[in-house]
Protein backbone atom coordinates (compact mmCIF):
# COMPACT_ATOMS: atom_id res chain seq x y z
CA MET A 1 0.00 0.00 0.00
CA PHE A 2 1.36 3.39 -0.98
CA GLY A 3 1.72 6.05 1.70
CA GLU A 4 0.05 9.43 1.47
CA SER A 5 1.87 12.25 -0.24
CA PRO A 6 2.58 15.30 1.94
CA ALA A 7 -0.10 17.23 0.05
CA SER A 8 -2.79 14.58 0.54
CA ALA A 9 -1.82 14.18 4.19
CA GLN A 10 -2.18 17.93 4.66
CA ARG A 11 -5.60 17.82 2.99
CA VAL A 12 -6.77 15.13 5.40
CA THR A 13 -5.61 17.35 8.26
CA TYR A 14 -7.58 20.44 7.24
CA GLU A 15 -10.66 18.43 6.33
CA GLN A 16 -10.84 17.15 9.91
CA PRO A 17 -11.42 19.02 13.19
CA PRO A 18 -10.54 21.59 14.29
CA ILE A 19 -10.47 23.07 10.76
CA ASP A 20 -13.23 20.96 9.13
CA TYR A 21 -12.72 22.97 5.96
CA LEU A 22 -15.48 21.45 3.83
CA ASN A 23 -18.24 21.63 6.42
CA ALA A 24 -17.53 24.53 8.76
CA GLU A 25 -19.83 27.52 8.51
CA VAL A 26 -18.31 30.51 6.73
CA HIS A 27 -19.01 34.22 6.97
CA ASP A 28 -17.09 35.66 4.04
CA ARG A 29 -18.56 38.39 1.85
CA VAL A 30 -20.04 35.92 -0.63
CA ALA A 31 -21.71 33.94 2.16
CA VAL A 32 -23.23 37.20 3.40
CA LEU A 33 -24.44 38.02 -0.12
CA ILE A 34 -26.03 34.57 -0.43
CA GLU A 35 -28.03 35.22 2.73
CA LYS A 36 -29.16 38.60 1.40
CA ILE A 37 -30.27 37.08 -1.92
CA GLU A 38 -32.17 34.30 -0.15
CA SER A 39 -33.94 36.80 2.12
CA GLY A 40 -34.80 39.10 -0.77
CA GLU A 41 -32.63 41.90 0.61
CA ALA A 42 -30.36 41.78 -2.46
CA THR A 43 -30.84 40.87 -6.10
CA LEU A 44 -28.55 40.22 -9.04
CA LYS A 45 -29.30 41.56 -12.50
CA TYR A 46 -28.65 39.57 -15.66
CA ASP A 47 -27.66 41.09 -18.99
CA SER A 48 -27.29 39.43 -22.37
CA GLN A 49 -23.58 40.18 -22.84
CA PHE A 50 -22.04 39.56 -19.43
CA GLY A 51 -24.70 37.57 -17.62
CA TYR A 52 -24.43 38.28 -13.90
CA LEU A 53 -20.87 39.61 -14.05
CA LYS A 54 -21.47 43.34 -13.70
CA SER A 55 -24.09 42.83 -11.02
CA ILE A 56 -21.89 40.51 -8.93
CA LEU A 57 -18.97 42.95 -9.18
CA GLU A 58 -21.20 45.75 -7.94
CA ALA A 59 -22.66 43.63 -5.15
CA LEU A 60 -19.18 42.67 -3.93
CA ASP A 61 -17.69 46.15 -4.42
CA ILE A 62 -15.08 45.04 -6.96
CA SER A 63 -13.79 47.60 -9.44
CA GLU A 64 -13.76 46.83 -13.15
CA SER A 65 -10.29 48.41 -13.26
CA SER A 66 -8.94 45.33 -11.46
CA GLN A 67 -9.55 43.26 -14.59
CA SER A 68 -6.68 40.88 -15.30
CA LEU A 69 -6.85 38.69 -18.40
CA VAL A 70 -5.43 35.18 -18.62
CA PHE A 71 -5.44 33.15 -21.84
CA SER A 72 -3.75 29.97 -20.66
CA LYS A 73 -5.97 26.95 -20.11
CA THR A 74 -5.20 26.68 -16.41
CA SER A 75 -8.58 26.97 -14.68
CA LEU A 76 -12.00 25.35 -14.31
CA GLN A 77 -13.56 26.32 -17.65
CA LEU A 78 -10.48 25.65 -19.75
CA SER A 79 -12.49 24.79 -22.88
CA LYS A 80 -13.81 28.37 -22.88
CA ILE A 81 -10.35 29.95 -22.66
CA SER A 82 -7.92 30.77 -25.49
CA PRO A 83 -5.69 33.63 -26.65
CA ARG A 84 -8.66 34.96 -28.64
CA ARG A 85 -11.01 34.56 -25.71
CA PRO A 86 -9.16 35.11 -22.41
CA ARG A 87 -10.64 34.58 -18.98
CA ALA A 88 -11.15 37.77 -16.98
CA LEU A 89 -10.34 37.99 -13.29
CA TYR A 90 -11.52 40.77 -10.97
CA PHE A 91 -10.65 41.27 -7.32
CA ASN A 92 -10.70 43.43 -4.24
CA ASP A 93 -9.01 42.83 -0.90
CA ASP A 94 -10.85 39.61 -0.10
CA VAL A 95 -12.88 38.41 -3.11
CA TYR A 96 -11.91 37.15 -6.58
CA VAL A 97 -14.31 36.76 -9.52
CA GLY A 98 -13.58 34.82 -12.72
CA PHE A 99 -15.51 35.32 -15.97
CA CYS A 100 -15.31 33.44 -19.27
CA GLN A 101 -17.06 34.44 -22.46
CA ARG A 102 -19.89 31.97 -23.03
CA GLY A 103 -18.96 30.43 -19.71
CA ASP A 104 -21.29 28.09 -17.89
CA VAL A 105 -20.62 29.74 -14.54
CA ILE A 106 -19.03 32.73 -12.89
CA GLU A 107 -16.29 31.51 -10.55
CA ILE A 108 -15.95 33.23 -7.19
CA ALA A 109 -13.45 32.83 -4.37
CA ALA A 110 -13.78 34.68 -1.08
CA THR A 111 -11.57 34.87 1.98
CA ASP A 112 -13.36 33.77 5.12
CA PRO A 113 -11.69 35.21 8.24
CA ARG A 114 -11.30 31.75 9.84
CA GLN A 115 -11.52 29.25 6.99
CA GLY A 116 -9.49 31.07 4.36
CA ALA A 117 -10.19 30.69 0.65
CA THR A 118 -13.74 29.50 -0.03
CA PHE A 119 -14.90 28.76 -3.56
CA TYR A 120 -18.27 29.30 -5.23
CA THR A 121 -19.96 29.22 -8.63
CA LEU A 122 -22.92 31.12 -10.08
CA LYS A 123 -24.65 29.73 -13.17
CA GLN A 124 -24.64 32.07 -16.14
CA THR A 125 -28.28 31.46 -17.02
CA GLU A 126 -31.00 33.93 -16.12
CA GLN A 127 -32.82 32.88 -12.97
CA GLU A 128 -35.60 34.43 -10.94
CA ARG A 129 -33.44 34.09 -7.84
CA PRO A 130 -29.79 33.44 -8.77
CA ARG A 131 -28.14 30.76 -6.65
CA ILE A 132 -24.49 31.00 -5.65
CA VAL A 133 -23.25 27.51 -4.77
CA ARG A 134 -20.35 26.75 -2.43
CA ASP A 135 -17.80 24.25 -3.69
CA ARG A 136 -17.30 21.18 -1.51
CA GLY A 137 -13.82 20.12 -2.58
CA GLY A 138 -13.73 20.05 -6.37
CA CYS A 139 -11.62 23.20 -6.61
CA LEU A 140 -8.99 21.86 -4.23
CA SER A 141 -7.28 19.70 -6.85
CA CYS A 142 -5.67 22.94 -8.06
CA HIS A 143 -6.25 25.26 -5.13
CA ALA A 144 -4.70 23.22 -2.32
CA SER A 145 -1.09 22.27 -2.97
CA SER A 146 2.45 23.44 -2.39
CA ARG A 147 1.61 26.30 -4.78
CA THR A 148 -0.91 27.59 -2.21
CA GLN A 149 1.24 26.87 0.87
CA ASP A 150 -0.47 23.48 1.33
CA ILE A 151 -3.84 24.88 2.35
CA PRO A 152 -6.92 25.88 0.32
CA GLY A 153 -5.76 29.08 -1.29
CA TYR A 154 -5.01 31.22 -4.30
CA LEU A 155 -2.27 31.32 -6.90
CA VAL A 156 -1.07 33.25 -9.91
CA ARG A 157 0.58 30.88 -12.35
CA SER A 158 2.93 31.75 -15.20
CA VAL A 159 3.31 29.23 -18.03
CA PHE A 160 4.69 28.85 -21.53
CA PRO A 161 1.42 28.82 -23.54
CA ASP A 162 1.02 27.36 -27.01
CA ALA A 163 -1.15 28.91 -29.73
CA ALA A 164 -4.29 27.40 -28.19
CA GLY A 165 -3.41 28.56 -24.68
CA ARG A 166 -2.35 25.12 -23.48
CA PRO A 167 0.61 25.28 -21.09
CA LYS A 168 3.71 23.52 -22.36
CA LEU A 169 4.24 21.58 -19.17
CA GLY A 170 7.58 20.23 -20.29
CA SER A 171 8.90 23.78 -20.33
CA GLY A 172 8.01 24.33 -16.69
CA SER A 173 5.89 26.95 -14.97
CA PHE A 174 6.10 29.45 -12.13
CA THR A 175 3.87 30.35 -9.20
CA THR A 176 4.49 34.07 -9.00
CA ASP A 177 4.42 36.62 -6.21
CA HIS A 178 6.38 39.72 -5.21
CA THR A 179 9.60 37.69 -4.92
CA SER A 180 9.45 36.43 -8.52
CA LYS A 181 11.87 37.64 -11.13
CA PHE A 182 10.16 39.96 -13.56
CA HIS A 183 11.05 37.80 -16.56
CA ASP A 184 9.26 34.80 -14.99
CA ARG A 185 5.92 36.58 -14.59
CA TRP A 186 2.64 36.48 -16.50
CA GLY A 187 3.19 33.75 -19.05
CA GLY A 188 -0.28 33.05 -20.44
CA TRP A 189 -1.60 36.45 -19.30
CA TYR A 190 -2.27 39.68 -21.11
CA VAL A 191 -0.47 42.66 -19.61
CA THR A 192 -1.02 46.36 -20.32
CA GLY A 193 1.15 49.21 -19.10
CA ASN A 194 4.77 50.26 -19.21
CA HIS A 195 7.81 48.68 -17.59
CA GLY A 196 10.82 50.13 -19.40
CA THR A 197 13.59 47.72 -20.30
CA MET A 198 12.36 44.94 -18.00
CA ARG A 199 10.78 41.99 -19.76
CA HIS A 200 8.00 39.61 -18.75
CA MET A 201 6.31 36.58 -20.35
CA GLY A 202 2.92 38.16 -21.01
CA ASN A 203 1.17 38.81 -24.33
CA THR A 204 3.22 36.10 -26.03
CA ILE A 205 2.74 32.61 -27.45
CA CYS A 206 5.46 30.01 -27.01
CA ARG A 207 6.04 28.81 -30.58
CA THR A 208 8.91 26.43 -29.88
CA ASP A 209 10.24 25.99 -26.35
CA GLU A 210 11.29 28.00 -23.31
CA MET A 211 14.81 28.49 -24.67
CA GLU A 212 13.54 30.47 -27.67
CA PHE A 213 10.62 32.22 -25.95
CA ASP A 214 10.59 35.88 -27.00
CA ARG A 215 9.96 38.09 -23.97
CA SER A 216 10.32 41.29 -26.00
CA ALA A 217 7.36 40.63 -28.28
CA GLY A 218 4.75 41.59 -25.69
CA ALA A 219 6.65 44.31 -23.84
CA ASN A 220 5.16 47.70 -22.92
CA GLU A 221 1.82 46.92 -24.53
CA THR A 222 -1.03 49.36 -24.02
CA ASP A 223 -3.53 48.18 -26.63
CA LEU A 224 -4.74 44.58 -26.75
CA SER A 225 -7.13 44.96 -29.68
CA ASP A 226 -4.76 43.11 -32.03
CA TYR A 227 -4.90 40.05 -29.77
CA PHE A 228 -8.67 39.68 -29.26
CA ARG A 229 -11.95 41.60 -29.28
CA THR A 230 -11.52 43.92 -26.34
CA ASP A 231 -15.13 45.15 -26.59
CA ALA A 232 -16.23 41.73 -25.35
CA TYR A 233 -14.94 42.66 -21.87
CA VAL A 234 -15.92 45.29 -19.35
CA SER A 235 -12.46 46.84 -19.78
CA PRO A 236 -10.03 46.66 -22.72
CA ASN A 237 -7.06 46.35 -20.35
CA SER A 238 -5.16 43.96 -18.11
CA ASP A 239 -3.32 46.44 -15.91
CA ILE A 240 0.24 45.54 -14.88
CA VAL A 241 -0.16 47.23 -11.49
CA ALA A 242 -3.29 45.20 -10.77
CA LEU A 243 -1.34 42.06 -11.67
CA MET A 244 1.49 42.96 -9.31
CA VAL A 245 -0.94 43.62 -6.46
CA LEU A 246 -2.76 40.38 -7.26
CA GLU A 247 0.48 38.39 -7.03
CA HIS A 248 1.33 39.75 -3.60
CA GLN A 249 -2.19 39.54 -2.25
CA THR A 250 -2.91 35.94 -3.22
CA GLN A 251 0.11 34.54 -1.40
CA MET A 252 -0.35 36.92 1.54
CA HIS A 253 -3.86 35.54 1.98
CA ASN A 254 -2.37 32.06 1.88
CA ALA A 255 0.24 32.95 4.49
CA ILE A 256 -2.43 34.26 6.87
CA ALA A 257 -4.61 31.19 6.37
CA ALA A 258 -1.62 28.86 6.82
CA ALA A 259 -0.78 30.56 10.13
CA ASN A 260 -4.42 30.24 11.19
CA PHE A 261 -4.69 26.55 10.32
CA GLU A 262 -1.33 25.55 11.79
CA THR A 263 -2.01 27.36 15.06
CA ARG A 264 -5.44 25.82 15.49
CA LEU A 265 -4.05 22.38 14.71
CA ALA A 266 -1.12 22.82 17.10
CA LEU A 267 -3.40 23.94 19.94
CA HIS A 268 -5.94 21.21 19.22
CA GLN A 269 -3.28 18.52 19.38
CA SER A 270 -1.69 20.06 22.47
CA PHE A 271 -5.02 20.15 24.28
CA GLN A 272 -5.72 16.54 23.34
CA MET A 273 -2.41 15.56 24.92
CA ASN A 274 -3.33 17.52 28.04
CA GLU A 275 -6.09 15.02 28.74
CA LEU A 276 -3.82 12.04 28.17
CA LEU A 277 -0.98 13.44 30.27
CA GLU A 278 -3.26 14.98 32.90
CA ARG A 279 -1.84 18.44 32.30
CA PRO A 280 -3.80 21.58 33.23
CA GLU A 281 -6.58 22.60 30.86
CA GLY A 282 -5.33 25.17 28.37
CA PHE A 283 -1.67 24.19 28.79
CA VAL A 284 0.27 24.86 25.57
CA SER A 285 3.14 22.47 24.96
CA ASP A 286 6.60 23.57 23.89
CA SER A 287 6.07 21.73 20.62
CA ALA A 288 2.91 23.74 19.90
CA LYS A 289 4.69 26.97 20.82
CA ARG A 290 7.50 26.17 18.36
CA ARG A 291 4.99 25.50 15.58
CA ILE A 292 3.20 28.76 16.28
CA SER A 293 6.47 30.69 16.39
CA ALA A 294 7.51 29.20 13.04
CA VAL A 295 4.33 30.23 11.20
CA ALA A 296 4.52 33.69 12.77
CA GLU A 297 8.04 34.03 11.36
CA ASP A 298 6.79 32.98 7.93
CA LEU A 299 3.98 35.51 8.14
CA VAL A 300 6.27 38.39 9.10
CA TYR A 301 8.69 37.45 6.32
CA TYR A 302 5.93 37.66 3.74
CA MET A 303 4.20 40.67 5.28
CA LEU A 304 7.42 42.71 5.11
CA PHE A 305 8.11 41.69 1.51
CA GLY A 306 11.12 39.56 2.35
CA GLU A 307 13.32 39.01 -0.71
CA GLU A 308 11.06 41.14 -2.92
CA PHE A 309 12.29 41.42 -6.50
CA GLN A 310 13.83 44.85 -7.02
CA LEU A 311 12.49 46.64 -10.08
CA THR A 312 15.14 48.04 -12.40
CA ASP A 313 12.75 50.35 -14.26
CA ALA A 314 9.60 52.21 -13.33
CA VAL A 315 6.25 50.46 -13.81
CA SER A 316 2.98 52.21 -14.67
CA GLY A 317 -0.47 50.90 -15.48
CA ASN A 318 -2.93 52.30 -17.98
CA THR A 319 -6.15 52.26 -15.94
CA SER A 320 -7.51 53.88 -12.80
CA PHE A 321 -6.56 50.82 -10.72
CA ALA A 322 -3.51 52.37 -9.03
CA ASP A 323 -5.39 55.49 -7.95
CA GLU A 324 -8.38 53.48 -6.72
CA PHE A 325 -6.15 51.07 -4.82
CA GLN A 326 -4.27 53.86 -3.06
CA SER A 327 -7.44 55.81 -2.26
CA ARG A 328 -8.65 53.02 0.03
CA GLY A 329 -5.66 53.28 2.35
CA VAL A 330 -5.81 53.88 6.10
CA VAL A 331 -3.86 57.12 6.46
CA ASP A 332 -1.70 58.30 9.37
CA SER A 333 -1.28 61.90 10.56
CA LYS A 334 1.42 62.49 7.94
CA GLY A 335 -0.80 61.27 5.10
CA ARG A 336 1.08 57.98 4.73
CA SER A 337 -0.59 54.67 3.97
CA LEU A 338 0.46 51.05 3.52
CA ARG A 339 -1.39 51.17 0.19
CA GLN A 340 0.89 53.82 -1.28
CA LEU A 341 2.53 52.44 -4.39
CA ASN A 342 6.19 52.92 -5.22
CA LEU A 343 6.54 51.20 -8.62
CA GLN A 344 10.05 52.59 -9.11
CA THR A 345 12.08 49.94 -7.31
CA ARG A 346 9.36 47.92 -5.52
CA LEU A 347 5.60 47.49 -5.28
CA LEU A 348 4.77 49.49 -2.14
CA GLU A 349 6.29 52.70 -0.81
CA TYR A 350 6.20 51.26 2.71
CA PRO A 351 6.79 47.50 2.34
CA CYS A 352 4.33 46.09 4.85
CA SER A 353 1.23 44.34 3.58
CA TYR A 354 -2.02 46.27 3.75
CA LEU A 355 -3.69 42.94 4.63
CA ILE A 356 -2.60 43.56 8.21
CA TYR A 357 -5.91 45.49 8.31
CA SER A 358 -7.89 42.52 6.97
CA ASP A 359 -10.56 40.56 8.80
CA ALA A 360 -8.47 37.44 8.20
CA PHE A 361 -5.50 38.87 10.10
CA ALA A 362 -7.76 40.09 12.91
CA ALA A 363 -9.30 36.60 13.16
CA LEU A 364 -5.98 34.84 13.67
CA PRO A 365 -5.87 32.95 16.98
CA ASP A 366 -4.58 35.29 19.69
CA LEU A 367 -1.34 33.40 20.26
CA VAL A 368 -0.13 33.60 16.68
CA ARG A 369 -1.42 37.12 16.08
CA HIS A 370 0.39 38.42 19.16
CA GLU A 371 3.52 36.48 18.22
CA THR A 372 3.39 37.93 14.72
CA LEU A 373 3.09 41.49 16.00
CA GLU A 374 5.98 40.93 18.42
CA LYS A 375 8.19 39.58 15.64
CA LEU A 376 7.09 42.42 13.37
CA ALA A 377 8.13 44.95 16.01
CA ALA A 378 11.49 43.20 16.43
CA VAL A 379 12.24 43.78 12.76
CA LEU A 380 10.96 47.34 12.65
CA GLU A 381 12.82 48.33 15.83
CA GLY A 382 16.05 46.90 14.45
CA GLN A 383 16.43 43.97 16.85
CA ASN A 384 16.05 41.48 14.00
CA GLN A 385 18.68 42.17 11.33
CA ALA A 386 18.23 38.91 9.40
CA LYS A 387 19.29 39.01 5.76
CA GLU A 388 15.73 38.57 4.48
CA PHE A 389 14.94 42.01 5.92
CA GLN A 390 18.02 43.83 4.63
CA HIS A 391 15.87 45.59 2.03
CA LEU A 392 14.37 47.59 4.90
CA SER A 393 16.57 50.57 5.71
CA PRO A 394 16.46 52.05 9.24
CA LYS A 395 14.38 54.91 7.84
CA LEU A 396 11.88 52.56 6.19
CA ARG A 397 11.57 50.51 9.38
CA GLN A 398 10.85 53.65 11.35
CA GLN A 399 8.29 54.89 8.82
CA ILE A 400 6.42 51.58 8.76
CA SER A 401 6.44 51.42 12.55
CA GLU A 402 5.06 54.96 12.79
CA ILE A 403 2.23 54.10 10.39
CA LEU A 404 1.36 50.96 12.35
CA LEU A 405 1.44 52.80 15.68
CA GLU A 406 -1.22 55.20 14.41
CA THR A 407 -3.36 52.83 12.36
CA VAL A 408 -3.20 49.40 14.04
CA PRO A 409 -4.51 49.76 17.62
CA GLU A 410 -3.33 46.31 18.72
CA TYR A 411 0.21 47.05 17.58
CA ARG A 412 0.17 50.40 19.39
CA ASP A 413 -1.22 48.83 22.57
CA MET A 414 1.45 46.14 22.49
CA ILE A 415 4.27 48.68 22.15
CA THR A 416 2.76 50.97 24.80
CA SER A 417 2.30 48.11 27.26
CA ARG A 418 5.84 46.89 26.73
CA ASN A 419 7.31 50.37 27.19
CA GLN A 420 5.33 50.92 30.38
CA GLY A 421 6.33 47.52 31.72
């Protein structure tokens, strides 16, 4: 009998208590919308061109400027996707919506504060009361692997696509985020905007193999009308800044969910052992503490953009996405925000993830959230000088700390309490 692979073993773990991923009640924004539709408090409107797309974007407060177009056959409705008919992806801070022309369904993924990525579909046929259906495991064949940090999660994948959009698997692929080299990003995606002399894999078909792939062919593209009918989409663009934000955000969501799951599992197992060993109720073993400390370290590393790829040319999009993204920032007394974009040498002006304000971060178990904030402070105050944080100058560390002190009450309270103690 063959043993379980690490991935399948991990899946068994999160499908069982205390996570119970497939059965636990969720309260993400899509779950809330479902309740409103069922009660008659909300409705979705259908139109002949886009079905329920525009209505679902409005209901979930997702901007059309976030549109990112992918033409590789790497998702659920792959038969509907091609270079002439790309799949469109839209997102905000905690929800992702996928749309295919002539698609059977709209695909939706939402971040539940406790359960992480939760997947749904909405049939693209006109209904008196549209029904959004929660997935019960089918999506996890792609959305729960080492590419998603071994928990149900999100990913941006870069491939070498052939003329039909099929990935040339023999040429390899990349799961991309803010650490990825620029030239490894966006294979199988359309990309609009400017990026100087840097080159990426977008807007290009792989005619032969990865060795002869031409990264210059699709560079600095601002008009996609030669590739496909752009009037078939709510926007004619696939903004490079939106893509860069998407890459960071997907794996940041995964890092938060991984910390959540691992902490709950560690505590659950520790408490089970308490009964067997007749230890006091609530006792946390050293083993559990080490596990919690390790995931907190991972979370801080990702939150502070550890080993972020350094841009060698300025990047600019060609939609309103950048302005809209920045306008939603929580601002300190000096007008600074963690959503301020840099786009000259890095993604953010102050490299600390804006998802520290998210419901998912707030819902982390107390032990790991407190540990994360303590480790975050250790970096920002200069006590932790590890090489993965060398991109943060003393000035940047101080600026990020000042922003957090004014905009994250729990961080401020922790620092104040420590200083008074």
